[in-house]
Amino acid sequence: MRYPNKNILDFISEAGLLKRLRRSGWAVLGIKDAETVAEHSFRCALISYVLARMEKAPPYKVLLMALFNDIQEARITDLHKMAQRYIDARTAEDKAFNEQIGALPKTIKAELADMRREYKRQATRESIIARDADILECLIQAKEYQGYGYPEAAKFMKKAPRFLKTKSARELWRLAKNMNLNDWWFRLSEFKR
């Protein structure tokens, strides 16, 4: 018996690996329990939505690009920049992604393939916003890790901001780098009389 939805369920199950896969670049800095790829992707998707609205762009494609940007890492892991010196990460990512979506229904497969091509070209507003969301999420994570006692994370915060292209992402980073990112929590947990 044939189960056409099994391919969809396999894809969803495979994406679940991202909840257990740690982002590798942070390990180089000595961060033992670094964020997972899924945690990064979740906040990246939130940021992409906000940036799309701030930039007055339709958020649907931006959200898709952000959400599916790292899905291939379920197969090839998160390759940090040092590893990418020795491994053709782009080719490996494309191969893994194309195999992942290969058995999906044609409409889903076509939409995801088109979205990935657009993201990689970085020629549309939506793709630029999605990339900025990815960079901004990493910057915010680096600032948080620095605050948790990992001073090496500051090195990332010096290089990455120059890659932000949208006014909104640059503004959010200027604000974030000069404030305590836990202020919201302290305000909500103040003792009241």
N, C-alpha and C. Protein backbone atom coordinates (compact mmCIF):
# COMPACT_ATOMS: atom_id res chain seq x y z
N MET A 1 0.85 -1.19 0.00
CA MET A 1 0.00 0.00 0.00
C MET A 1 0.89 1.24 0.00
N ARG A 2 0.49 2.26 -0.76
CA ARG A 2 1.24 3.49 -0.89
C ARG A 2 0.67 4.54 0.07
N TYR A 3 1.57 5.25 0.76
CA TYR A 3 1.16 6.30 1.70
C TYR A 3 1.80 7.62 1.26
N PRO A 4 1.11 8.42 0.45
CA PRO A 4 1.72 9.65 -0.07
C PRO A 4 2.10 10.64 1.03
N ASN A 5 1.37 10.64 2.12
CA ASN A 5 1.69 11.59 3.19
C ASN A 5 2.87 11.16 4.04
N LYS A 6 3.36 9.94 3.84
CA LYS A 6 4.52 9.47 4.59
C LYS A 6 5.75 10.34 4.29
N ASN A 7 5.89 10.78 3.05
CA ASN A 7 7.03 11.64 2.71
C ASN A 7 6.97 12.96 3.46
N ILE A 8 5.76 13.48 3.62
CA ILE A 8 5.60 14.72 4.38
C ILE A 8 5.95 14.47 5.85
N LEU A 9 5.47 13.38 6.40
CA LEU A 9 5.78 13.06 7.80
C LEU A 9 7.27 12.81 7.99
N ASP A 10 7.91 12.16 7.03
CA ASP A 10 9.36 11.96 7.11
C ASP A 10 10.08 13.30 7.14
N PHE A 11 9.65 14.24 6.31
CA PHE A 11 10.25 15.57 6.26
C PHE A 11 10.09 16.29 7.60
N ILE A 12 8.90 16.21 8.16
CA ILE A 12 8.63 16.83 9.46
C ILE A 12 9.47 16.18 10.55
N SER A 13 9.56 14.86 10.52
CA SER A 13 10.35 14.14 11.53
C SER A 13 11.83 14.50 11.41
N GLU A 14 12.31 14.57 10.19
CA GLU A 14 13.71 14.94 9.99
C GLU A 14 13.99 16.34 10.52
N ALA A 15 13.08 17.26 10.32
CA ALA A 15 13.25 18.62 10.84
C ALA A 15 13.39 18.61 12.36
N GLY A 16 12.79 17.61 13.01
CA GLY A 16 12.91 17.48 14.46
C GLY A 16 14.33 17.29 14.94
N LEU A 17 15.20 16.79 14.07
CA LEU A 17 16.62 16.65 14.45
C LEU A 17 17.23 17.99 14.81
N LEU A 18 16.72 19.04 14.21
CA LEU A 18 17.28 20.37 14.45
C LEU A 18 17.09 20.82 15.89
N LYS A 19 16.14 20.20 16.60
CA LYS A 19 15.94 20.53 18.02
C LYS A 19 17.06 19.97 18.88
N ARG A 20 17.79 18.99 18.35
CA ARG A 20 18.89 18.38 19.11
C ARG A 20 20.27 18.76 18.59
N LEU A 21 20.32 19.37 17.44
CA LEU A 21 21.60 19.71 16.80
C LEU A 21 22.06 21.09 17.25
N ARG A 22 23.20 21.14 17.93
CA ARG A 22 23.75 22.40 18.44
C ARG A 22 24.45 23.18 17.32
N ARG A 23 24.38 24.48 17.40
CA ARG A 23 25.10 25.33 16.45
C ARG A 23 26.59 25.24 16.77
N SER A 24 27.38 24.86 15.81
CA SER A 24 28.77 24.48 16.05
C SER A 24 29.73 25.64 16.28
N GLY A 25 29.46 26.78 15.69
CA GLY A 25 30.39 27.90 15.85
C GLY A 25 30.56 28.34 17.29
N TRP A 26 29.51 28.23 18.07
CA TRP A 26 29.60 28.64 19.47
C TRP A 26 30.48 27.70 20.28
N ALA A 27 30.55 26.44 19.89
CA ALA A 27 31.41 25.48 20.61
C ALA A 27 32.87 25.89 20.52
N VAL A 28 33.27 26.49 19.42
CA VAL A 28 34.65 26.96 19.26
C VAL A 28 34.97 28.00 20.33
N LEU A 29 33.95 28.73 20.78
CA LEU A 29 34.15 29.74 21.82
C LEU A 29 34.05 29.15 23.23
N GLY A 30 33.85 27.84 23.31
CA GLY A 30 33.78 27.18 24.61
C GLY A 30 32.40 27.13 25.22
N ILE A 31 31.39 27.42 24.44
CA ILE A 31 30.02 27.39 24.94
C ILE A 31 29.52 25.96 24.83
N LYS A 32 29.37 25.31 25.99
CA LYS A 32 29.03 23.89 26.02
C LYS A 32 27.59 23.59 25.62
N ASP A 33 26.66 24.35 26.07
CA ASP A 33 25.25 24.11 25.76
C ASP A 33 24.72 25.21 24.84
N ALA A 34 25.36 25.33 23.70
CA ALA A 34 24.96 26.37 22.74
C ALA A 34 23.55 26.12 22.23
N GLU A 35 22.97 27.15 21.67
CA GLU A 35 21.64 27.03 21.10
C GLU A 35 21.60 25.94 20.04
N THR A 36 20.43 25.40 19.82
CA THR A 36 20.24 24.43 18.74
C THR A 36 19.91 25.16 17.45
N VAL A 37 20.01 24.44 16.35
CA VAL A 37 19.64 25.02 15.06
C VAL A 37 18.17 25.42 15.08
N ALA A 38 17.32 24.59 15.69
CA ALA A 38 15.88 24.91 15.76
C ALA A 38 15.65 26.18 16.58
N GLU A 39 16.37 26.35 17.67
CA GLU A 39 16.21 27.57 18.48
C GLU A 39 16.62 28.79 17.68
N HIS A 40 17.72 28.68 16.96
CA HIS A 40 18.16 29.77 16.09
C HIS A 40 17.10 30.07 15.03
N SER A 41 16.60 29.02 14.38
CA SER A 41 15.63 29.19 13.30
C SER A 41 14.33 29.82 13.80
N PHE A 42 13.90 29.45 14.99
CA PHE A 42 12.67 30.00 15.56
C PHE A 42 12.81 31.51 15.75
N ARG A 43 13.87 31.94 16.43
CA ARG A 43 14.00 33.38 16.67
C ARG A 43 14.30 34.12 15.37
N CYS A 44 15.01 33.47 14.47
CA CYS A 44 15.27 34.07 13.16
C CYS A 44 13.95 34.33 12.43
N ALA A 45 13.03 33.39 12.50
CA ALA A 45 11.72 33.57 11.86
C ALA A 45 10.96 34.74 12.50
N LEU A 46 11.01 34.84 13.83
CA LEU A 46 10.36 35.97 14.50
C LEU A 46 10.96 37.29 14.04
N ILE A 47 12.27 37.34 14.01
CA ILE A 47 12.95 38.57 13.58
C ILE A 47 12.61 38.89 12.13
N SER A 48 12.54 37.86 11.28
CA SER A 48 12.24 38.10 9.87
C SER A 48 10.86 38.73 9.70
N TYR A 49 9.90 38.27 10.47
CA TYR A 49 8.56 38.84 10.40
C TYR A 49 8.58 40.32 10.80
N VAL A 50 9.24 40.60 11.91
CA VAL A 50 9.31 41.98 12.40
C VAL A 50 10.04 42.87 11.39
N LEU A 51 11.16 42.39 10.88
CA LEU A 51 11.91 43.19 9.90
C LEU A 51 11.08 43.43 8.63
N ALA A 52 10.37 42.41 8.18
CA ALA A 52 9.54 42.57 6.99
C ALA A 52 8.51 43.67 7.22
N ARG A 53 7.87 43.66 8.37
CA ARG A 53 6.89 44.71 8.68
C ARG A 53 7.55 46.08 8.79
N MET A 54 8.71 46.14 9.44
CA MET A 54 9.41 47.42 9.58
C MET A 54 9.83 47.97 8.22
N GLU A 55 10.20 47.06 7.30
CA GLU A 55 10.64 47.46 5.96
C GLU A 55 9.48 47.57 4.98
N LYS A 56 8.25 47.37 5.48
CA LYS A 56 7.05 47.44 4.66
C LYS A 56 7.11 46.47 3.47
N ALA A 57 7.54 45.26 3.78
CA ALA A 57 7.60 44.18 2.78
C ALA A 57 6.61 43.09 3.19
N PRO A 58 6.06 42.38 2.23
CA PRO A 58 5.16 41.28 2.58
C PRO A 58 5.94 40.19 3.33
N PRO A 59 5.45 39.77 4.48
CA PRO A 59 6.25 38.88 5.33
C PRO A 59 6.26 37.40 4.94
N TYR A 60 5.33 36.93 4.13
CA TYR A 60 5.22 35.48 3.89
C TYR A 60 6.52 34.87 3.37
N LYS A 61 7.06 35.42 2.27
CA LYS A 61 8.29 34.84 1.71
C LYS A 61 9.48 35.01 2.65
N VAL A 62 9.52 36.14 3.33
CA VAL A 62 10.61 36.39 4.27
C VAL A 62 10.58 35.33 5.37
N LEU A 63 9.39 35.06 5.90
CA LEU A 63 9.23 34.03 6.93
C LEU A 63 9.66 32.65 6.42
N LEU A 64 9.22 32.30 5.22
CA LEU A 64 9.61 31.01 4.65
C LEU A 64 11.11 30.89 4.52
N MET A 65 11.75 31.92 4.00
CA MET A 65 13.20 31.89 3.82
C MET A 65 13.91 31.72 5.15
N ALA A 66 13.47 32.44 6.15
CA ALA A 66 14.10 32.35 7.46
C ALA A 66 13.85 30.99 8.10
N LEU A 67 12.64 30.50 7.98
CA LEU A 67 12.27 29.25 8.62
C LEU A 67 12.98 28.04 8.01
N PHE A 68 13.15 28.04 6.70
CA PHE A 68 13.75 26.89 6.01
C PHE A 68 15.22 27.08 5.68
N ASN A 69 15.81 28.19 6.09
CA ASN A 69 17.19 28.49 5.73
C ASN A 69 18.18 27.41 6.16
N ASP A 70 17.99 26.81 7.32
CA ASP A 70 18.96 25.84 7.84
C ASP A 70 18.44 24.42 7.89
N ILE A 71 17.36 24.12 7.19
CA ILE A 71 16.74 22.79 7.27
C ILE A 71 17.71 21.69 6.84
N GLN A 72 18.58 21.97 5.89
CA GLN A 72 19.54 20.97 5.40
C GLN A 72 20.54 20.56 6.46
N GLU A 73 20.68 21.32 7.52
CA GLU A 73 21.61 20.98 8.57
C GLU A 73 21.18 19.73 9.33
N ALA A 74 19.94 19.31 9.17
CA ALA A 74 19.51 18.04 9.73
C ALA A 74 20.32 16.89 9.12
N ARG A 75 20.81 17.08 7.90
CA ARG A 75 21.59 16.04 7.22
C ARG A 75 23.09 16.27 7.27
N ILE A 76 23.51 17.52 7.21
CA ILE A 76 24.96 17.77 7.12
C ILE A 76 25.53 18.47 8.35
N THR A 77 24.72 18.71 9.35
CA THR A 77 25.05 19.43 10.58
C THR A 77 25.31 20.90 10.28
N ASP A 78 25.58 21.64 11.33
CA ASP A 78 25.91 23.07 11.24
C ASP A 78 27.41 23.17 11.06
N LEU A 79 27.85 23.58 9.91
CA LEU A 79 29.29 23.69 9.62
C LEU A 79 29.77 25.10 9.92
N HIS A 80 30.60 25.25 10.96
CA HIS A 80 31.10 26.59 11.29
C HIS A 80 32.12 27.04 10.24
N LYS A 81 32.50 28.29 10.31
CA LYS A 81 33.33 28.91 9.27
C LYS A 81 34.67 28.20 9.09
N MET A 82 35.27 27.69 10.15
CA MET A 82 36.54 26.98 10.01
C MET A 82 36.35 25.72 9.18
N ALA A 83 35.29 24.97 9.43
CA ALA A 83 35.02 23.75 8.67
C ALA A 83 34.76 24.08 7.20
N GLN A 84 34.15 25.23 6.95
CA GLN A 84 33.82 25.61 5.58
C GLN A 84 35.06 25.94 4.75
N ARG A 85 36.20 26.10 5.39
CA ARG A 85 37.45 26.28 4.64
C ARG A 85 37.83 24.99 3.91
N TYR A 86 37.37 23.85 4.41
CA TYR A 86 37.80 22.55 3.90
C TYR A 86 36.70 21.77 3.20
N ILE A 87 35.46 22.19 3.42
CA ILE A 87 34.31 21.50 2.87
C ILE A 87 33.52 22.49 2.03
N ASP A 88 33.12 22.07 0.84
CA ASP A 88 32.29 22.92 -0.01
C ASP A 88 30.87 22.91 0.56
N ALA A 89 30.66 23.76 1.54
CA ALA A 89 29.40 23.77 2.27
C ALA A 89 28.21 24.10 1.37
N ARG A 90 28.39 25.02 0.45
CA ARG A 90 27.25 25.42 -0.41
C ARG A 90 26.76 24.25 -1.26
N THR A 91 27.68 23.51 -1.82
CA THR A 91 27.30 22.35 -2.63
C THR A 91 26.63 21.29 -1.76
N ALA A 92 27.20 21.04 -0.58
CA ALA A 92 26.63 20.05 0.34
C ALA A 92 25.24 20.49 0.80
N GLU A 93 25.08 21.77 1.12
CA GLU A 93 23.78 22.28 1.55
C GLU A 93 22.73 22.13 0.45
N ASP A 94 23.11 22.49 -0.77
CA ASP A 94 22.17 22.37 -1.89
C ASP A 94 21.77 20.92 -2.13
N LYS A 95 22.74 20.03 -2.09
CA LYS A 95 22.44 18.61 -2.32
C LYS A 95 21.51 18.08 -1.23
N ALA A 96 21.81 18.38 0.02
CA ALA A 96 20.98 17.90 1.12
C ALA A 96 19.57 18.48 1.01
N PHE A 97 19.47 19.78 0.77
CA PHE A 97 18.16 20.43 0.66
C PHE A 97 17.33 19.82 -0.47
N ASN A 98 17.94 19.66 -1.63
CA ASN A 98 17.21 19.11 -2.78
C ASN A 98 16.75 17.68 -2.53
N GLU A 99 17.56 16.90 -1.84
CA GLU A 99 17.13 15.54 -1.49
C GLU A 99 16.00 15.58 -0.45
N GLN A 100 16.09 16.49 0.49
CA GLN A 100 15.04 16.60 1.52
C GLN A 100 13.68 16.91 0.92
N ILE A 101 13.65 17.81 -0.04
CA ILE A 101 12.36 18.21 -0.60
C ILE A 101 11.96 17.35 -1.79
N GLY A 102 12.84 16.49 -2.25
CA GLY A 102 12.62 15.72 -3.46
C GLY A 102 11.36 14.87 -3.48
N ALA A 103 10.96 14.32 -2.36
CA ALA A 103 9.79 13.43 -2.31
C ALA A 103 8.52 14.14 -1.84
N LEU A 104 8.61 15.44 -1.61
CA LEU A 104 7.44 16.19 -1.18
C LEU A 104 6.48 16.42 -2.35
N PRO A 105 5.21 16.71 -2.08
CA PRO A 105 4.28 17.03 -3.17
C PRO A 105 4.82 18.17 -4.03
N LYS A 106 4.49 18.13 -5.30
CA LYS A 106 5.06 19.08 -6.28
C LYS A 106 4.89 20.54 -5.89
N THR A 107 3.73 20.89 -5.37
CA THR A 107 3.51 22.30 -5.03
C THR A 107 4.42 22.76 -3.89
N ILE A 108 4.59 21.90 -2.88
CA ILE A 108 5.47 22.25 -1.75
C ILE A 108 6.92 22.27 -2.23
N LYS A 109 7.30 21.25 -2.95
CA LYS A 109 8.67 21.15 -3.47
C LYS A 109 9.02 22.38 -4.32
N ALA A 110 8.13 22.76 -5.22
CA ALA A 110 8.39 23.91 -6.10
C ALA A 110 8.52 25.21 -5.31
N GLU A 111 7.61 25.40 -4.34
CA GLU A 111 7.67 26.64 -3.56
C GLU A 111 8.96 26.72 -2.75
N LEU A 112 9.35 25.63 -2.11
CA LEU A 112 10.57 25.64 -1.30
C LEU A 112 11.81 25.80 -2.17
N ALA A 113 11.83 25.16 -3.33
CA ALA A 113 12.98 25.29 -4.24
C ALA A 113 13.11 26.73 -4.74
N ASP A 114 11.98 27.33 -5.14
CA ASP A 114 11.99 28.73 -5.59
C ASP A 114 12.45 29.66 -4.48
N MET A 115 11.94 29.43 -3.28
CA MET A 115 12.30 30.26 -2.13
C MET A 115 13.81 30.18 -1.86
N ARG A 116 14.36 28.98 -1.93
CA ARG A 116 15.80 28.81 -1.66
C ARG A 116 16.64 29.51 -2.73
N ARG A 117 16.26 29.37 -3.99
CA ARG A 117 17.00 30.06 -5.07
C ARG A 117 16.97 31.57 -4.86
N GLU A 118 15.81 32.08 -4.52
CA GLU A 118 15.68 33.51 -4.30
C GLU A 118 16.54 33.97 -3.12
N TYR A 119 16.52 33.20 -2.05
CA TYR A 119 17.33 33.55 -0.87
C TYR A 119 18.81 33.59 -1.23
N LYS A 120 19.27 32.59 -1.95
CA LYS A 120 20.69 32.49 -2.29
C LYS A 120 21.14 33.62 -3.22
N ARG A 121 20.27 34.06 -4.12
CA ARG A 121 20.63 35.13 -5.06
C ARG A 121 20.76 36.49 -4.36
N GLN A 122 20.03 36.69 -3.28
CA GLN A 122 20.05 37.95 -2.55
C GLN A 122 19.80 39.16 -3.45
N ALA A 123 18.80 39.02 -4.32
CA ALA A 123 18.48 40.08 -5.27
C ALA A 123 17.11 40.72 -5.01
N THR A 124 16.34 40.19 -4.07
CA THR A 124 15.01 40.76 -3.78
C THR A 124 15.01 41.32 -2.36
N ARG A 125 14.07 42.22 -2.12
CA ARG A 125 13.92 42.79 -0.77
C ARG A 125 13.71 41.69 0.25
N GLU A 126 12.83 40.73 -0.09
CA GLU A 126 12.50 39.66 0.85
C GLU A 126 13.73 38.83 1.21
N SER A 127 14.55 38.51 0.23
CA SER A 127 15.75 37.69 0.51
C SER A 127 16.75 38.47 1.36
N ILE A 128 16.88 39.74 1.10
CA ILE A 128 17.81 40.58 1.88
C ILE A 128 17.32 40.69 3.33
N ILE A 129 16.03 40.87 3.51
CA ILE A 129 15.47 40.96 4.86
C ILE A 129 15.66 39.64 5.60
N ALA A 130 15.43 38.52 4.92
CA ALA A 130 15.61 37.21 5.55
C ALA A 130 17.06 37.00 5.97
N ARG A 131 17.99 37.40 5.13
CA ARG A 131 19.42 37.27 5.48
C ARG A 131 19.76 38.18 6.66
N ASP A 132 19.22 39.38 6.65
CA ASP A 132 19.44 40.28 7.79
C ASP A 132 18.90 39.68 9.08
N ALA A 133 17.75 39.01 9.00
CA ALA A 133 17.19 38.36 10.19
C ALA A 133 18.15 37.31 10.73
N ASP A 134 18.75 36.55 9.85
CA ASP A 134 19.72 35.51 10.24
C ASP A 134 20.93 36.14 10.93
N ILE A 135 21.46 37.18 10.34
CA ILE A 135 22.64 37.86 10.91
C ILE A 135 22.28 38.52 12.24
N LEU A 136 21.14 39.21 12.28
CA LEU A 136 20.72 39.89 13.51
C LEU A 136 20.50 38.89 14.63
N GLU A 137 19.91 37.74 14.33
CA GLU A 137 19.71 36.73 15.36
C GLU A 137 21.06 36.27 15.92
N CYS A 138 22.03 36.07 15.05
CA CYS A 138 23.37 35.66 15.51
C CYS A 138 24.03 36.75 16.35
N LEU A 139 23.84 37.99 15.95
CA LEU A 139 24.40 39.11 16.73
C LEU A 139 23.79 39.18 18.12
N ILE A 140 22.49 39.05 18.19
CA ILE A 140 21.81 39.09 19.49
C ILE A 140 22.25 37.91 20.34
N GLN A 141 22.38 36.74 19.73
CA GLN A 141 22.84 35.56 20.47
C GLN A 141 24.26 35.76 20.99
N ALA A 142 25.12 36.35 20.17
CA ALA A 142 26.50 36.63 20.59
C ALA A 142 26.51 37.58 21.78
N LYS A 143 25.68 38.61 21.72
CA LYS A 143 25.61 39.56 22.85
C LYS A 143 25.12 38.85 24.11
N GLU A 144 24.15 37.97 23.96
CA GLU A 144 23.66 37.22 25.12
C GLU A 144 24.77 36.32 25.68
N TYR A 145 25.49 35.63 24.81
CA TYR A 145 26.59 34.78 25.28
C TYR A 145 27.68 35.60 25.96
N GLN A 146 27.96 36.77 25.43
CA GLN A 146 28.94 37.65 26.08
C GLN A 146 28.46 38.00 27.49
N GLY A 147 27.18 38.30 27.62
CA GLY A 147 26.60 38.62 28.92
C GLY A 147 26.62 37.44 29.88
N TYR A 148 26.63 36.22 29.34
CA TYR A 148 26.68 35.01 30.17
C TYR A 148 28.11 34.63 30.54
N GLY A 149 29.08 35.48 30.15
CA GLY A 149 30.46 35.23 30.55
C GLY A 149 31.35 34.62 29.48
N TYR A 150 30.97 34.74 28.22
CA TYR A 150 31.80 34.25 27.12
C TYR A 150 32.31 35.45 26.33
N PRO A 151 33.43 36.05 26.76
CA PRO A 151 33.91 37.29 26.14
C PRO A 151 34.29 37.15 24.67
N GLU A 152 34.65 35.96 24.23
CA GLU A 152 35.04 35.75 22.84
C GLU A 152 33.89 36.05 21.86
N ALA A 153 32.67 35.97 22.34
CA ALA A 153 31.52 36.24 21.48
C ALA A 153 31.55 37.67 20.94
N ALA A 154 32.24 38.56 21.64
CA ALA A 154 32.32 39.95 21.21
C ALA A 154 33.01 40.08 19.85
N LYS A 155 33.89 39.15 19.52
CA LYS A 155 34.57 39.21 18.22
C LYS A 155 33.57 39.10 17.08
N PHE A 156 32.56 38.26 17.25
CA PHE A 156 31.53 38.13 16.23
C PHE A 156 30.77 39.44 16.08
N MET A 157 30.55 40.12 17.21
CA MET A 157 29.77 41.36 17.19
C MET A 157 30.52 42.50 16.50
N LYS A 158 31.80 42.35 16.27
CA LYS A 158 32.57 43.39 15.58
C LYS A 158 32.50 43.22 14.07
N LYS A 159 32.47 41.99 13.58
CA LYS A 159 32.51 41.74 12.14
C LYS A 159 31.13 41.70 11.50
N ALA A 160 30.20 41.02 12.12
CA ALA A 160 28.90 40.74 11.49
C ALA A 160 28.05 41.97 11.17
N PRO A 161 28.05 43.03 12.00
CA PRO A 161 27.15 44.15 11.71
C PRO A 161 27.34 44.78 10.34
N ARG A 162 28.53 44.72 9.81
CA ARG A 162 28.76 45.34 8.50
C ARG A 162 28.03 44.62 7.36
N PHE A 163 27.52 43.41 7.63
CA PHE A 163 26.79 42.66 6.62
C PHE A 163 25.29 42.94 6.64
N LEU A 164 24.83 43.67 7.65
CA LEU A 164 23.40 44.05 7.71
C LEU A 164 23.12 45.08 6.62
N LYS A 165 22.07 44.84 5.84
CA LYS A 165 21.78 45.73 4.71
C LYS A 165 20.56 46.62 4.92
N THR A 166 19.58 46.17 5.68
CA THR A 166 18.37 46.99 5.83
C THR A 166 18.54 48.00 6.96
N LYS A 167 17.89 49.12 6.78
CA LYS A 167 17.91 50.17 7.80
C LYS A 167 17.36 49.63 9.12
N SER A 168 16.30 48.85 9.04
CA SER A 168 15.65 48.34 10.26
C SER A 168 16.56 47.40 11.04
N ALA A 169 17.25 46.51 10.36
CA ALA A 169 18.16 45.58 11.03
C ALA A 169 19.33 46.34 11.66
N ARG A 170 19.87 47.30 10.94
CA ARG A 170 20.99 48.09 11.49
C ARG A 170 20.53 48.86 12.72
N GLU A 171 19.33 49.42 12.68
CA GLU A 171 18.80 50.17 13.82
C GLU A 171 18.56 49.27 15.03
N LEU A 172 17.96 48.10 14.79
CA LEU A 172 17.74 47.16 15.90
C LEU A 172 19.07 46.73 16.52
N TRP A 173 20.09 46.51 15.70
CA TRP A 173 21.39 46.12 16.25
C TRP A 173 22.01 47.27 17.04
N ARG A 174 21.93 48.50 16.53
CA ARG A 174 22.46 49.64 17.30
C ARG A 174 21.81 49.71 18.67
N LEU A 175 20.53 49.51 18.73
CA LEU A 175 19.81 49.52 20.00
C LEU A 175 20.24 48.34 20.88
N ALA A 176 20.29 47.16 20.31
CA ALA A 176 20.61 45.94 21.08
C ALA A 176 22.02 45.98 21.66
N LYS A 177 22.96 46.45 20.90
CA LYS A 177 24.36 46.40 21.38
C LYS A 177 24.61 47.36 22.54
N ASN A 178 23.73 48.35 22.69
CA ASN A 178 23.93 49.36 23.74
C ASN A 178 22.98 49.21 24.92
N MET A 179 22.31 48.07 25.01
CA MET A 179 21.39 47.89 26.14
C MET A 179 21.54 46.51 26.76
N ASN A 180 20.99 46.35 27.92
CA ASN A 180 20.91 45.05 28.56
C ASN A 180 19.70 44.34 27.95
N LEU A 181 19.94 43.23 27.30
CA LEU A 181 18.86 42.53 26.61
C LEU A 181 17.89 41.85 27.57
N ASN A 182 18.20 41.85 28.84
CA ASN A 182 17.29 41.29 29.85
C ASN A 182 16.45 42.35 30.55
N ASP A 183 16.53 43.59 30.11
CA ASP A 183 15.75 44.66 30.73
C ASP A 183 14.26 44.34 30.78
N TRP A 184 13.72 43.77 29.74
CA TRP A 184 12.28 43.45 29.69
C TRP A 184 11.90 42.55 30.86
N TRP A 185 12.78 41.59 31.17
CA TRP A 185 12.51 40.63 32.24
C TRP A 185 12.55 41.33 33.60
N PHE A 186 13.56 42.18 33.79
CA PHE A 186 13.67 42.87 35.08
C PHE A 186 12.49 43.80 35.31
N ARG A 187 12.03 44.47 34.26
CA ARG A 187 10.86 45.35 34.40
C ARG A 187 9.62 44.55 34.81
N LEU A 188 9.42 43.38 34.23
CA LEU A 188 8.24 42.58 34.53
C LEU A 188 8.30 41.90 35.90
N SER A 189 9.52 41.71 36.40
CA SER A 189 9.64 40.99 37.66
C SER A 189 9.95 41.89 38.86
N GLU A 190 9.78 43.20 38.72
CA GLU A 190 10.02 44.10 39.82
C GLU A 190 8.97 43.87 40.92
N PHE A 191 9.43 44.00 42.15
CA PHE A 191 8.50 43.88 43.28
C PHE A 191 7.63 45.12 43.36
N LYS A 192 6.37 44.87 43.58
CA LYS A 192 5.41 45.98 43.72
C LYS A 192 4.96 46.05 45.16
N ARG A 193 4.62 47.21 45.60
CA ARG A 193 4.11 47.39 46.97
C ARG A 193 2.69 46.95 47.07
